[in-house]
Amino acid sequence: VRNASARQLRAGTIRTVGAIVLDIANPFFTEVARGIEDRLAPTSTP
């Protein structure tokens, strides 16, 4: 099975984003994470 992560590293393009939040149970950070996800979704518009 192709390893997508290995292919992306080899190609020099990575389609993974990480976010470190203090407390995911805190609604503020949940909204921040949701905003990041929505903004980076393929169908999002600037």
PDB file of all heavy atoms in Angstrom:
ATOM      1  N   VAL A   1       0.865  -1.173   0.000  1.00  0.00           N
ATOM      2  CA  VAL A   1       0.000   0.000   0.000  1.00  0.00           C
ATOM      3  C   VAL A   1       0.900   1.220   0.000  1.00  0.00           C
ATOM      4  O   VAL A   1       1.839   1.308   0.805  1.00  0.00           O
ATOM      5  CB  VAL A   1      -0.908   0.015   1.254  1.00  0.00           C
ATOM      6  CG1 VAL A   1      -1.749   1.276   1.283  1.00  0.00           C
ATOM      7  CG2 VAL A   1      -1.782  -1.218   1.296  1.00  0.00           C
ATOM      8  N   ARG A   2       0.627   2.135  -0.891  1.00  0.00           N
ATOM      9  CA  ARG A   2       1.419   3.366  -0.939  1.00  0.00           C
ATOM     10  C   ARG A   2       1.330   4.107   0.384  1.00  0.00           C
ATOM     11  O   ARG A   2       0.275   4.178   0.996  1.00  0.00           O
ATOM     12  CB  ARG A   2       0.899   4.303  -2.019  1.00  0.00           C
ATOM     13  CG  ARG A   2       1.198   3.866  -3.394  1.00  0.00           C
ATOM     14  CD  ARG A   2       0.620   4.885  -4.342  1.00  0.00           C
ATOM     15  NE  ARG A   2       1.077   4.674  -5.685  1.00  0.00           N
ATOM     16  CZ  ARG A   2       0.892   5.532  -6.657  1.00  0.00           C
ATOM     17  NH1 ARG A   2       0.239   6.652  -6.440  1.00  0.00           N
ATOM     18  NH2 ARG A   2       1.335   5.280  -7.859  1.00  0.00           N
ATOM     19  N   ASN A   3       2.432   4.676   0.791  1.00  0.00           N
ATOM     20  CA  ASN A   3       2.468   5.470   2.007  1.00  0.00           C
ATOM     21  C   ASN A   3       2.366   6.932   1.598  1.00  0.00           C
ATOM     22  O   ASN A   3       3.310   7.502   1.060  1.00  0.00           O
ATOM     23  CB  ASN A   3       3.764   5.195   2.765  1.00  0.00           C
ATOM     24  CG  ASN A   3       3.842   5.920   4.076  1.00  0.00           C
ATOM     25  OD1 ASN A   3       3.426   7.071   4.174  1.00  0.00           O
ATOM     26  ND2 ASN A   3       4.378   5.249   5.071  1.00  0.00           N
ATOM     27  N   ALA A   4       1.210   7.544   1.843  1.00  0.00           N
ATOM     28  CA  ALA A   4       0.969   8.919   1.413  1.00  0.00           C
ATOM     29  C   ALA A   4       1.958   9.889   2.055  1.00  0.00           C
ATOM     30  O   ALA A   4       2.438  10.819   1.408  1.00  0.00           O
ATOM     31  CB  ALA A   4      -0.458   9.329   1.731  1.00  0.00           C
ATOM     32  N   SER A   5       2.292   9.665   3.306  1.00  0.00           N
ATOM     33  CA  SER A   5       3.229  10.562   3.994  1.00  0.00           C
ATOM     34  C   SER A   5       4.604  10.498   3.346  1.00  0.00           C
ATOM     35  O   SER A   5       5.248  11.524   3.134  1.00  0.00           O
ATOM     36  CB  SER A   5       3.333  10.191   5.471  1.00  0.00           C
ATOM     37  OG  SER A   5       2.104  10.377   6.115  1.00  0.00           O
ATOM     38  N   ALA A   6       5.043   9.294   3.024  1.00  0.00           N
ATOM     39  CA  ALA A   6       6.348   9.140   2.387  1.00  0.00           C
ATOM     40  C   ALA A   6       6.364   9.812   1.018  1.00  0.00           C
ATOM     41  O   ALA A   6       7.337  10.469   0.645  1.00  0.00           O
ATOM     42  CB  ALA A   6       6.702   7.661   2.258  1.00  0.00           C
ATOM     43  N   ARG A   7       5.275   9.659   0.269  1.00  0.00           N
ATOM     44  CA  ARG A   7       5.198  10.289  -1.056  1.00  0.00           C
ATOM     45  C   ARG A   7       5.269  11.807  -0.946  1.00  0.00           C
ATOM     46  O   ARG A   7       5.933  12.475  -1.732  1.00  0.00           O
ATOM     47  CB  ARG A   7       3.904   9.890  -1.755  1.00  0.00           C
ATOM     48  CG  ARG A   7       3.889   8.446  -2.187  1.00  0.00           C
ATOM     49  CD  ARG A   7       2.623   8.114  -2.926  1.00  0.00           C
ATOM     50  NE  ARG A   7       2.622   8.790  -4.209  1.00  0.00           N
ATOM     51  CZ  ARG A   7       1.526   9.164  -4.852  1.00  0.00           C
ATOM     52  NH1 ARG A   7       0.345   8.935  -4.346  1.00  0.00           N
ATOM     53  NH2 ARG A   7       1.615   9.754  -6.016  1.00  0.00           N
ATOM     54  N   GLN A   8       4.559  12.358   0.035  1.00  0.00           N
ATOM     55  CA  GLN A   8       4.559  13.809   0.209  1.00  0.00           C
ATOM     56  C   GLN A   8       5.933  14.317   0.619  1.00  0.00           C
ATOM     57  O   GLN A   8       6.399  15.345   0.112  1.00  0.00           O
ATOM     58  CB  GLN A   8       3.508  14.213   1.248  1.00  0.00           C
ATOM     59  CG  GLN A   8       2.093  14.017   0.763  1.00  0.00           C
ATOM     60  CD  GLN A   8       1.070  14.258   1.862  1.00  0.00           C
ATOM     61  OE1 GLN A   8       1.398  14.663   2.958  1.00  0.00           O
ATOM     62  NE2 GLN A   8      -0.182  13.978   1.544  1.00  0.00           N
ATOM     63  N   LEU A   9       6.602  13.603   1.514  1.00  0.00           N
ATOM     64  CA  LEU A   9       7.945  14.015   1.926  1.00  0.00           C
ATOM     65  C   LEU A   9       8.904  13.960   0.747  1.00  0.00           C
ATOM     66  O   LEU A   9       9.705  14.875   0.543  1.00  0.00           O
ATOM     67  CB  LEU A   9       8.460  13.117   3.051  1.00  0.00           C
ATOM     68  CG  LEU A   9       7.852  13.363   4.421  1.00  0.00           C
ATOM     69  CD1 LEU A   9       8.291  12.268   5.388  1.00  0.00           C
ATOM     70  CD2 LEU A   9       8.252  14.729   4.945  1.00  0.00           C
ATOM     71  N   ARG A  10       8.818  12.908  -0.035  1.00  0.00           N
ATOM     72  CA  ARG A  10       9.703  12.739  -1.191  1.00  0.00           C
ATOM     73  C   ARG A  10       9.455  13.832  -2.223  1.00  0.00           C
ATOM     74  O   ARG A  10      10.391  14.348  -2.824  1.00  0.00           O
ATOM     75  CB  ARG A  10       9.467  11.356  -1.810  1.00  0.00           C
ATOM     76  CG  ARG A  10      10.293  11.060  -3.000  1.00  0.00           C
ATOM     77  CD  ARG A  10      11.664  10.629  -2.599  1.00  0.00           C
ATOM     78  NE  ARG A  10      12.383  10.206  -3.778  1.00  0.00           N
ATOM     79  CZ  ARG A  10      13.678  10.195  -3.848  1.00  0.00           C
ATOM     80  NH1 ARG A  10      14.406  10.547  -2.829  1.00  0.00           N
ATOM     81  NH2 ARG A  10      14.272   9.812  -4.944  1.00  0.00           N
ATOM     82  N   ALA A  11       8.183  14.187  -2.417  1.00  0.00           N
ATOM     83  CA  ALA A  11       7.826  15.209  -3.404  1.00  0.00           C
ATOM     84  C   ALA A  11       8.093  16.622  -2.888  1.00  0.00           C
ATOM     85  O   ALA A  11       8.081  17.575  -3.655  1.00  0.00           O
ATOM     86  CB  ALA A  11       6.353  15.071  -3.785  1.00  0.00           C
ATOM     87  N   GLY A  12       8.332  16.746  -1.585  1.00  0.00           N
ATOM     88  CA  GLY A  12       8.584  18.073  -1.024  1.00  0.00           C
ATOM     89  C   GLY A  12       7.305  18.851  -0.764  1.00  0.00           C
ATOM     90  O   GLY A  12       7.345  20.058  -0.553  1.00  0.00           O
ATOM     91  N   THR A  13       6.168  18.182  -0.779  1.00  0.00           N
ATOM     92  CA  THR A  13       4.898  18.829  -0.468  1.00  0.00           C
ATOM     93  C   THR A  13       4.199  18.027   0.606  1.00  0.00           C
ATOM     94  O   THR A  13       4.018  16.825   0.470  1.00  0.00           O
ATOM     95  CB  THR A  13       3.979  18.908  -1.700  1.00  0.00           C
ATOM     96  OG1 THR A  13       3.726  17.580  -2.152  1.00  0.00           O
ATOM     97  CG2 THR A  13       4.605  19.699  -2.820  1.00  0.00           C
ATOM     98  N   ILE A  14       3.841  18.700   1.670  1.00  0.00           N
ATOM     99  CA  ILE A  14       3.165  18.040   2.772  1.00  0.00           C
ATOM    100  C   ILE A  14       1.807  18.685   2.947  1.00  0.00           C
ATOM    101  O   ILE A  14       1.681  19.902   2.978  1.00  0.00           O
ATOM    102  CB  ILE A  14       3.998  18.132   4.063  1.00  0.00           C
ATOM    103  CG1 ILE A  14       5.325  17.425   3.858  1.00  0.00           C
ATOM    104  CG2 ILE A  14       3.243  17.551   5.243  1.00  0.00           C
ATOM    105  CD1 ILE A  14       6.272  17.542   5.009  1.00  0.00           C
ATOM    106  N   ARG A  15       0.798  17.870   3.066  1.00  0.00           N
ATOM    107  CA  ARG A  15      -0.570  18.370   3.189  1.00  0.00           C
ATOM    108  C   ARG A  15      -1.112  18.147   4.595  1.00  0.00           C
ATOM    109  O   ARG A  15      -2.279  17.878   4.793  1.00  0.00           O
ATOM    110  CB  ARG A  15      -1.450  17.684   2.159  1.00  0.00           C
ATOM    111  CG  ARG A  15      -0.999  17.962   0.727  1.00  0.00           C
ATOM    112  CD  ARG A  15      -1.856  17.239  -0.253  1.00  0.00           C
ATOM    113  NE  ARG A  15      -3.258  17.440   0.044  1.00  0.00           N
ATOM    114  CZ  ARG A  15      -4.104  18.146  -0.695  1.00  0.00           C
ATOM    115  NH1 ARG A  15      -3.678  18.687  -1.796  1.00  0.00           N
ATOM    116  NH2 ARG A  15      -5.355  18.275  -0.355  1.00  0.00           N
ATOM    117  N   THR A  16      -0.224  18.241   5.579  1.00  0.00           N
ATOM    118  CA  THR A  16      -0.599  18.031   6.966  1.00  0.00           C
ATOM    119  C   THR A  16      -0.279  19.289   7.754  1.00  0.00           C
ATOM    120  O   THR A  16       0.787  19.879   7.594  1.00  0.00           O
ATOM    121  CB  THR A  16       0.173  16.839   7.563  1.00  0.00           C
ATOM    122  OG1 THR A  16      -0.063  15.695   6.765  1.00  0.00           O
ATOM    123  CG2 THR A  16      -0.243  16.562   8.986  1.00  0.00           C
ATOM    124  N   VAL A  17      -1.203  19.685   8.590  1.00  0.00           N
ATOM    125  CA  VAL A  17      -1.003  20.842   9.448  1.00  0.00           C
ATOM    126  C   VAL A  17      -1.247  20.408  10.884  1.00  0.00           C
ATOM    127  O   VAL A  17      -2.194  19.673  11.163  1.00  0.00           O
ATOM    128  CB  VAL A  17      -1.988  21.987   9.088  1.00  0.00           C
ATOM    129  CG1 VAL A  17      -1.897  23.121  10.073  1.00  0.00           C
ATOM    130  CG2 VAL A  17      -1.726  22.472   7.683  1.00  0.00           C
ATOM    131  N   GLY A  18      -0.389  20.842  11.774  1.00  0.00           N
ATOM    132  CA  GLY A  18      -0.569  20.538  13.191  1.00  0.00           C
ATOM    133  C   GLY A  18      -0.885  21.807  13.952  1.00  0.00           C
ATOM    134  O   GLY A  18      -0.465  22.906  13.576  1.00  0.00           O
ATOM    135  N   ALA A  19      -1.642  21.666  15.007  1.00  0.00           N
ATOM    136  CA  ALA A  19      -1.961  22.790  15.884  1.00  0.00           C
ATOM    137  C   ALA A  19      -1.850  22.310  17.324  1.00  0.00           C
ATOM    138  O   ALA A  19      -2.378  21.260  17.671  1.00  0.00           O
ATOM    139  CB  ALA A  19      -3.359  23.316  15.600  1.00  0.00           C
ATOM    140  N   ILE A  20      -1.172  23.077  18.128  1.00  0.00           N
ATOM    141  CA  ILE A  20      -1.052  22.753  19.542  1.00  0.00           C
ATOM    142  C   ILE A  20      -1.922  23.732  20.308  1.00  0.00           C
ATOM    143  O   ILE A  20      -1.769  24.948  20.173  1.00  0.00           O
ATOM    144  CB  ILE A  20       0.416  22.856  20.009  1.00  0.00           C
ATOM    145  CG1 ILE A  20       1.268  21.863  19.215  1.00  0.00           C
ATOM    146  CG2 ILE A  20       0.519  22.610  21.506  1.00  0.00           C
ATOM    147  CD1 ILE A  20       2.752  21.976  19.468  1.00  0.00           C
ATOM    148  N   VAL A  21      -2.848  23.186  21.065  1.00  0.00           N
ATOM    149  CA  VAL A  21      -3.744  24.034  21.850  1.00  0.00           C
ATOM    150  C   VAL A  21      -3.602  23.656  23.326  1.00  0.00           C
ATOM    151  O   VAL A  21      -3.243  22.531  23.662  1.00  0.00           O
ATOM    152  CB  VAL A  21      -5.217  23.897  21.396  1.00  0.00           C
ATOM    153  CG1 VAL A  21      -5.382  24.381  19.975  1.00  0.00           C
ATOM    154  CG2 VAL A  21      -5.689  22.469  21.518  1.00  0.00           C
ATOM    155  N   LEU A  22      -3.876  24.605  24.194  1.00  0.00           N
ATOM    156  CA  LEU A  22      -3.725  24.371  25.627  1.00  0.00           C
ATOM    157  C   LEU A  22      -4.779  23.425  26.183  1.00  0.00           C
ATOM    158  O   LEU A  22      -4.481  22.581  27.021  1.00  0.00           O
ATOM    159  CB  LEU A  22      -3.775  25.700  26.385  1.00  0.00           C
ATOM    160  CG  LEU A  22      -2.641  26.668  26.055  1.00  0.00           C
ATOM    161  CD1 LEU A  22      -2.835  27.986  26.788  1.00  0.00           C
ATOM    162  CD2 LEU A  22      -1.303  26.053  26.416  1.00  0.00           C
ATOM    163  N   ASP A  23      -6.021  23.566  25.727  1.00  0.00           N
ATOM    164  CA  ASP A  23      -7.104  22.750  26.282  1.00  0.00           C
ATOM    165  C   ASP A  23      -8.185  22.593  25.232  1.00  0.00           C
ATOM    166  O   ASP A  23      -8.983  23.507  25.027  1.00  0.00           O
ATOM    167  CB  ASP A  23      -7.652  23.421  27.540  1.00  0.00           C
ATOM    168  CG  ASP A  23      -8.757  22.627  28.209  1.00  0.00           C
ATOM    169  OD1 ASP A  23      -9.002  21.477  27.789  1.00  0.00           O
ATOM    170  OD2 ASP A  23      -9.366  23.158  29.147  1.00  0.00           O
ATOM    171  N   ILE A  24      -8.238  21.453  24.591  1.00  0.00           N
ATOM    172  CA  ILE A  24      -9.211  21.242  23.520  1.00  0.00           C
ATOM    173  C   ILE A  24     -10.640  21.228  24.063  1.00  0.00           C
ATOM    174  O   ILE A  24     -11.597  21.453  23.326  1.00  0.00           O
ATOM    175  CB  ILE A  24      -8.895  19.952  22.716  1.00  0.00           C
ATOM    176  CG1 ILE A  24      -9.627  19.952  21.377  1.00  0.00           C
ATOM    177  CG2 ILE A  24      -9.233  18.716  23.512  1.00  0.00           C
ATOM    178  CD1 ILE A  24      -9.212  21.006  20.421  1.00  0.00           C
ATOM    179  N   ALA A  25     -10.800  21.020  25.365  1.00  0.00           N
ATOM    180  CA  ALA A  25     -12.133  21.059  25.963  1.00  0.00           C
ATOM    181  C   ALA A  25     -12.637  22.498  26.107  1.00  0.00           C
ATOM    182  O   ALA A  25     -13.836  22.722  26.252  1.00  0.00           O
ATOM    183  CB  ALA A  25     -12.126  20.369  27.326  1.00  0.00           C
ATOM    184  N   ASN A  26     -11.739  23.457  26.046  1.00  0.00           N
ATOM    185  CA  ASN A  26     -12.112  24.872  26.139  1.00  0.00           C
ATOM    186  C   ASN A  26     -12.758  25.276  24.809  1.00  0.00           C
ATOM    187  O   ASN A  26     -12.147  25.118  23.749  1.00  0.00           O
ATOM    188  CB  ASN A  26     -10.866  25.708  26.411  1.00  0.00           C
ATOM    189  CG  ASN A  26     -11.148  27.181  26.555  1.00  0.00           C
ATOM    190  OD1 ASN A  26     -11.997  27.733  25.856  1.00  0.00           O
ATOM    191  ND2 ASN A  26     -10.407  27.823  27.441  1.00  0.00           N
ATOM    192  N   PRO A  27     -13.983  25.791  24.830  1.00  0.00           N
ATOM    193  CA  PRO A  27     -14.676  26.141  23.588  1.00  0.00           C
ATOM    194  C   PRO A  27     -13.899  27.111  22.696  1.00  0.00           C
ATOM    195  O   PRO A  27     -14.003  27.044  21.472  1.00  0.00           O
ATOM    196  CB  PRO A  27     -15.980  26.773  24.062  1.00  0.00           C
ATOM    197  CG  PRO A  27     -16.174  26.271  25.444  1.00  0.00           C
ATOM    198  CD  PRO A  27     -14.808  26.034  26.011  1.00  0.00           C
ATOM    199  N   PHE A  28     -13.107  27.989  23.282  1.00  0.00           N
ATOM    200  CA  PHE A  28     -12.314  28.922  22.479  1.00  0.00           C
ATOM    201  C   PHE A  28     -11.351  28.160  21.575  1.00  0.00           C
ATOM    202  O   PHE A  28     -11.279  28.405  20.374  1.00  0.00           O
ATOM    203  CB  PHE A  28     -11.534  29.897  23.374  1.00  0.00           C
ATOM    204  CG  PHE A  28     -10.555  30.729  22.596  1.00  0.00           C
ATOM    205  CD1 PHE A  28     -10.981  31.799  21.819  1.00  0.00           C
ATOM    206  CD2 PHE A  28      -9.200  30.427  22.614  1.00  0.00           C
ATOM    207  CE1 PHE A  28     -10.082  32.563  21.089  1.00  0.00           C
ATOM    208  CE2 PHE A  28      -8.289  31.183  21.887  1.00  0.00           C
ATOM    209  CZ  PHE A  28      -8.738  32.254  21.124  1.00  0.00           C
ATOM    210  N   PHE A  29     -10.612  27.223  22.147  1.00  0.00           N
ATOM    211  CA  PHE A  29      -9.630  26.475  21.368  1.00  0.00           C
ATOM    212  C   PHE A  29     -10.304  25.538  20.374  1.00  0.00           C
ATOM    213  O   PHE A  29      -9.777  25.282  19.289  1.00  0.00           O
ATOM    214  CB  PHE A  29      -8.679  25.711  22.292  1.00  0.00           C
ATOM    215  CG  PHE A  29      -7.803  26.615  23.111  1.00  0.00           C
ATOM    216  CD1 PHE A  29      -7.897  26.630  24.484  1.00  0.00           C
ATOM    217  CD2 PHE A  29      -6.895  27.466  22.498  1.00  0.00           C
ATOM    218  CE1 PHE A  29      -7.097  27.467  25.245  1.00  0.00           C
ATOM    219  CE2 PHE A  29      -6.085  28.305  23.242  1.00  0.00           C
ATOM    220  CZ  PHE A  29      -6.195  28.304  24.621  1.00  0.00           C
ATOM    221  N   THR A  30     -11.463  25.026  20.741  1.00  0.00           N
ATOM    222  CA  THR A  30     -12.225  24.203  19.807  1.00  0.00           C
ATOM    223  C   THR A  30     -12.602  25.018  18.579  1.00  0.00           C
ATOM    224  O   THR A  30     -12.481  24.552  17.439  1.00  0.00           O
ATOM    225  CB  THR A  30     -13.487  23.648  20.492  1.00  0.00           C
ATOM    226  OG1 THR A  30     -13.101  22.920  21.649  1.00  0.00           O
ATOM    227  CG2 THR A  30     -14.263  22.745  19.557  1.00  0.00           C
ATOM    228  N   GLU A  31     -13.029  26.249  18.800  1.00  0.00           N
ATOM    229  CA  GLU A  31     -13.387  27.135  17.678  1.00  0.00           C
ATOM    230  C   GLU A  31     -12.159  27.496  16.844  1.00  0.00           C
ATOM    231  O   GLU A  31     -12.241  27.589  15.614  1.00  0.00           O
ATOM    232  CB  GLU A  31     -14.079  28.394  18.194  1.00  0.00           C
ATOM    233  CG  GLU A  31     -15.498  28.164  18.658  1.00  0.00           C
ATOM    234  CD  GLU A  31     -16.381  27.636  17.544  1.00  0.00           C
ATOM    235  OE1 GLU A  31     -16.354  28.189  16.425  1.00  0.00           O
ATOM    236  OE2 GLU A  31     -17.108  26.661  17.797  1.00  0.00           O
ATOM    237  N   VAL A  32     -11.031  27.703  17.491  1.00  0.00           N
ATOM    238  CA  VAL A  32      -9.790  27.995  16.758  1.00  0.00           C
ATOM    239  C   VAL A  32      -9.438  26.811  15.862  1.00  0.00           C
ATOM    240  O   VAL A  32      -9.136  26.986  14.673  1.00  0.00           O
ATOM    241  CB  VAL A  32      -8.624  28.318  17.718  1.00  0.00           C
ATOM    242  CG1 VAL A  32      -7.295  28.351  16.967  1.00  0.00           C
ATOM    243  CG2 VAL A  32      -8.861  29.644  18.431  1.00  0.00           C
ATOM    244  N   ALA A  33      -9.491  25.601  16.426  1.00  0.00           N
ATOM    245  CA  ALA A  33      -9.182  24.404  15.633  1.00  0.00           C
ATOM    246  C   ALA A  33     -10.167  24.260  14.485  1.00  0.00           C
ATOM    247  O   ALA A  33      -9.782  23.941  13.351  1.00  0.00           O
ATOM    248  CB  ALA A  33      -9.207  23.157  16.523  1.00  0.00           C
ATOM    249  N   ARG A  34     -11.451  24.513  14.732  1.00  0.00           N
ATOM    250  CA  ARG A  34     -12.474  24.432  13.677  1.00  0.00           C
ATOM    251  C   ARG A  34     -12.190  25.471  12.594  1.00  0.00           C
ATOM    252  O   ARG A  34     -12.317  25.190  11.402  1.00  0.00           O
ATOM    253  CB  ARG A  34     -13.861  24.653  14.276  1.00  0.00           C
ATOM    254  CG  ARG A  34     -14.977  24.778  13.249  1.00  0.00           C
ATOM    255  CD  ARG A  34     -15.231  23.497  12.547  1.00  0.00           C
ATOM    256  NE  ARG A  34     -15.649  22.542  13.550  1.00  0.00           N
ATOM    257  CZ  ARG A  34     -16.295  21.433  13.304  1.00  0.00           C
ATOM    258  NH1 ARG A  34     -16.620  21.127  12.077  1.00  0.00           N
ATOM    259  NH2 ARG A  34     -16.612  20.601  14.254  1.00  0.00           N
ATOM    260  N   GLY A  35     -11.799  26.674  12.989  1.00  0.00           N
ATOM    261  CA  GLY A  35     -11.478  27.722  12.016  1.00  0.00           C
ATOM    262  C   GLY A  35     -10.300  27.336  11.133  1.00  0.00           C
ATOM    263  O   GLY A  35     -10.314  27.574   9.920  1.00  0.00           O
ATOM    264  N   ILE A  36      -9.281  26.737  11.733  1.00  0.00           N
ATOM    265  CA  ILE A  36      -8.120  26.280  10.952  1.00  0.00           C
ATOM    266  C   ILE A  36      -8.572  25.226   9.942  1.00  0.00           C
ATOM    267  O   ILE A  36      -8.234  25.285   8.759  1.00  0.00           O
ATOM    268  CB  ILE A  36      -7.026  25.715  11.884  1.00  0.00           C
ATOM    269  CG1 ILE A  36      -6.421  26.835  12.735  1.00  0.00           C
ATOM    270  CG2 ILE A  36      -5.949  24.993  11.072  1.00  0.00           C
ATOM    271  CD1 ILE A  36      -5.522  26.333  13.852  1.00  0.00           C
ATOM    272  N   GLU A  37      -9.349  24.274  10.424  1.00  0.00           N
ATOM    273  CA  GLU A  37      -9.838  23.202   9.552  1.00  0.00           C
ATOM    274  C   GLU A  37     -10.690  23.766   8.413  1.00  0.00           C
ATOM    275  O   GLU A  37     -10.508  23.405   7.246  1.00  0.00           O
ATOM    276  CB  GLU A  37     -10.660  22.211  10.373  1.00  0.00           C
ATOM    277  CG  GLU A  37     -11.162  21.038   9.590  1.00  0.00           C
ATOM    278  CD  GLU A  37     -11.978  20.079  10.443  1.00  0.00           C
ATOM    279  OE1 GLU A  37     -12.228  20.362  11.620  1.00  0.00           O
ATOM    280  OE2 GLU A  37     -12.366  19.036   9.897  1.00  0.00           O
ATOM    281  N   ASP A  38     -11.600  24.673   8.742  1.00  0.00           N
ATOM    282  CA  ASP A  38     -12.464  25.257   7.712  1.00  0.00           C
ATOM    283  C   ASP A  38     -11.660  26.052   6.693  1.00  0.00           C
ATOM    284  O   ASP A  38     -11.929  25.998   5.494  1.00  0.00           O
ATOM    285  CB  ASP A  38     -13.527  26.162   8.351  1.00  0.00           C
ATOM    286  CG  ASP A  38     -14.571  25.377   9.123  1.00  0.00           C
ATOM    287  OD1 ASP A  38     -14.636  24.142   8.966  1.00  0.00           O
ATOM    288  OD2 ASP A  38     -15.307  26.014   9.905  1.00  0.00           O
ATOM    289  N   ARG A  39     -10.687  26.802   7.158  1.00  0.00           N
ATOM    290  CA  ARG A  39      -9.886  27.635   6.262  1.00  0.00           C
ATOM    291  C   ARG A  39      -9.031  26.814   5.310  1.00  0.00           C
ATOM    292  O   ARG A  39      -8.827  27.158   4.168  1.00  0.00           O
ATOM    293  CB  ARG A  39      -9.010  28.587   7.075  1.00  0.00           C
ATOM    294  CG  ARG A  39      -8.134  29.503   6.250  1.00  0.00           C
ATOM    295  CD  ARG A  39      -9.017  30.458   5.435  1.00  0.00           C
ATOM    296  NE  ARG A  39      -8.201  31.368   4.678  1.00  0.00           N
ATOM    297  CZ  ARG A  39      -7.876  31.189   3.399  1.00  0.00           C
ATOM    298  NH1 ARG A  39      -8.329  30.141   2.742  1.00  0.00           N
ATOM    299  NH2 ARG A  39      -7.128  32.056   2.775  1.00  0.00           N
ATOM    300  N   LEU A  40      -8.544  25.684   5.800  1.00  0.00           N
ATOM    301  CA  LEU A  40      -7.655  24.864   4.996  1.00  0.00           C
ATOM    302  C   LEU A  40      -8.367  23.791   4.175  1.00  0.00           C
ATOM    303  O   LEU A  40      -7.745  23.126   3.371  1.00  0.00           O
ATOM    304  CB  LEU A  40      -6.596  24.185   5.906  1.00  0.00           C
ATOM    305  CG  LEU A  40      -5.664  25.165   6.602  1.00  0.00           C
ATOM    306  CD1 LEU A  40      -4.728  24.407   7.536  1.00  0.00           C
ATOM    307  CD2 LEU A  40      -4.871  25.985   5.615  1.00  0.00           C
ATOM    308  N   ALA A  41      -9.663  23.653   4.366  1.00  0.00           N
ATOM    309  CA  ALA A  41     -10.424  22.668   3.598  1.00  0.00           C
ATOM    310  C   ALA A  41     -10.338  23.004   2.119  1.00  0.00           C
ATOM    311  O   ALA A  41     -10.300  24.174   1.734  1.00  0.00           O
ATOM    312  CB  ALA A  41     -11.871  22.649   4.066  1.00  0.00           C
ATOM    313  N   PRO A  42     -10.294  21.991   1.245  1.00  0.00           N
ATOM    314  CA  PRO A  42     -10.161  22.240  -0.201  1.00  0.00           C
ATOM    315  C   PRO A  42     -11.221  23.143  -0.789  1.00  0.00           C
ATOM    316  O   PRO A  42     -10.978  23.833  -1.766  1.00  0.00           O
ATOM    317  CB  PRO A  42     -10.251  20.848  -0.820  1.00  0.00           C
ATOM    318  CG  PRO A  42     -10.019  19.885   0.290  1.00  0.00           C
ATOM    319  CD  PRO A  42     -10.383  20.583   1.560  1.00  0.00           C
ATOM    320  N   THR A  43     -12.404  23.181  -0.207  1.00  0.00           N
ATOM    321  CA  THR A  43     -13.482  23.993  -0.783  1.00  0.00           C
ATOM    322  C   THR A  43     -13.584  25.375  -0.153  1.00  0.00           C
ATOM    323  O   THR A  43     -14.460  26.143  -0.497  1.00  0.00           O
ATOM    324  CB  THR A  43     -14.841  23.292  -0.600  1.00  0.00           C
ATOM    325  OG1 THR A  43     -15.059  23.075   0.806  1.00  0.00           O
ATOM    326  CG2 THR A  43     -14.870  21.956  -1.338  1.00  0.00           C
ATOM    327  N   SER A  44     -12.666  25.694   0.789  1.00  0.00           N
ATOM    328  CA  SER A  44     -12.750  27.002   1.447  1.00  0.00           C
ATOM    329  C   SER A  44     -12.366  28.126   0.494  1.00  0.00           C
ATOM    330  O   SER A  44     -11.610  27.938  -0.451  1.00  0.00           O
ATOM    331  CB  SER A  44     -11.871  27.039   2.692  1.00  0.00           C
ATOM    332  OG  SER A  44     -10.509  27.021   2.326  1.00  0.00           O
ATOM    333  N   THR A  45     -12.903  29.298   0.750  1.00  0.00           N
ATOM    334  CA  THR A  45     -12.565  30.476  -0.046  1.00  0.00           C
ATOM    335  C   THR A  45     -11.961  31.514   0.873  1.00  0.00           C
ATOM    336  O   THR A  45     -12.323  31.614   2.051  1.00  0.00           O
ATOM    337  CB  THR A  45     -13.817  31.082  -0.710  1.00  0.00           C
ATOM    338  OG1 THR A  45     -14.783  31.340   0.297  1.00  0.00           O
ATOM    339  CG2 THR A  45     -14.381  30.114  -1.734  1.00  0.00           C
ATOM    340  N   PRO A  46     -11.007  32.311   0.401  1.00  0.00           N
ATOM    341  CA  PRO A  46     -10.323  33.286   1.262  1.00  0.00           C
ATOM    342  C   PRO A  46     -11.246  34.358   1.777  1.00  0.00           C
ATOM    343  O   PRO A  46     -12.288  34.630   1.323  1.00  0.00           O
ATOM    344  CB  PRO A  46      -9.265  33.908   0.350  1.00  0.00           C
ATOM    345  CG  PRO A  46      -9.288  33.170  -0.921  1.00  0.00           C
ATOM    346  CD  PRO A  46     -10.481  32.258  -0.928  1.00  0.00           C
TER     347      PRO A  46
END
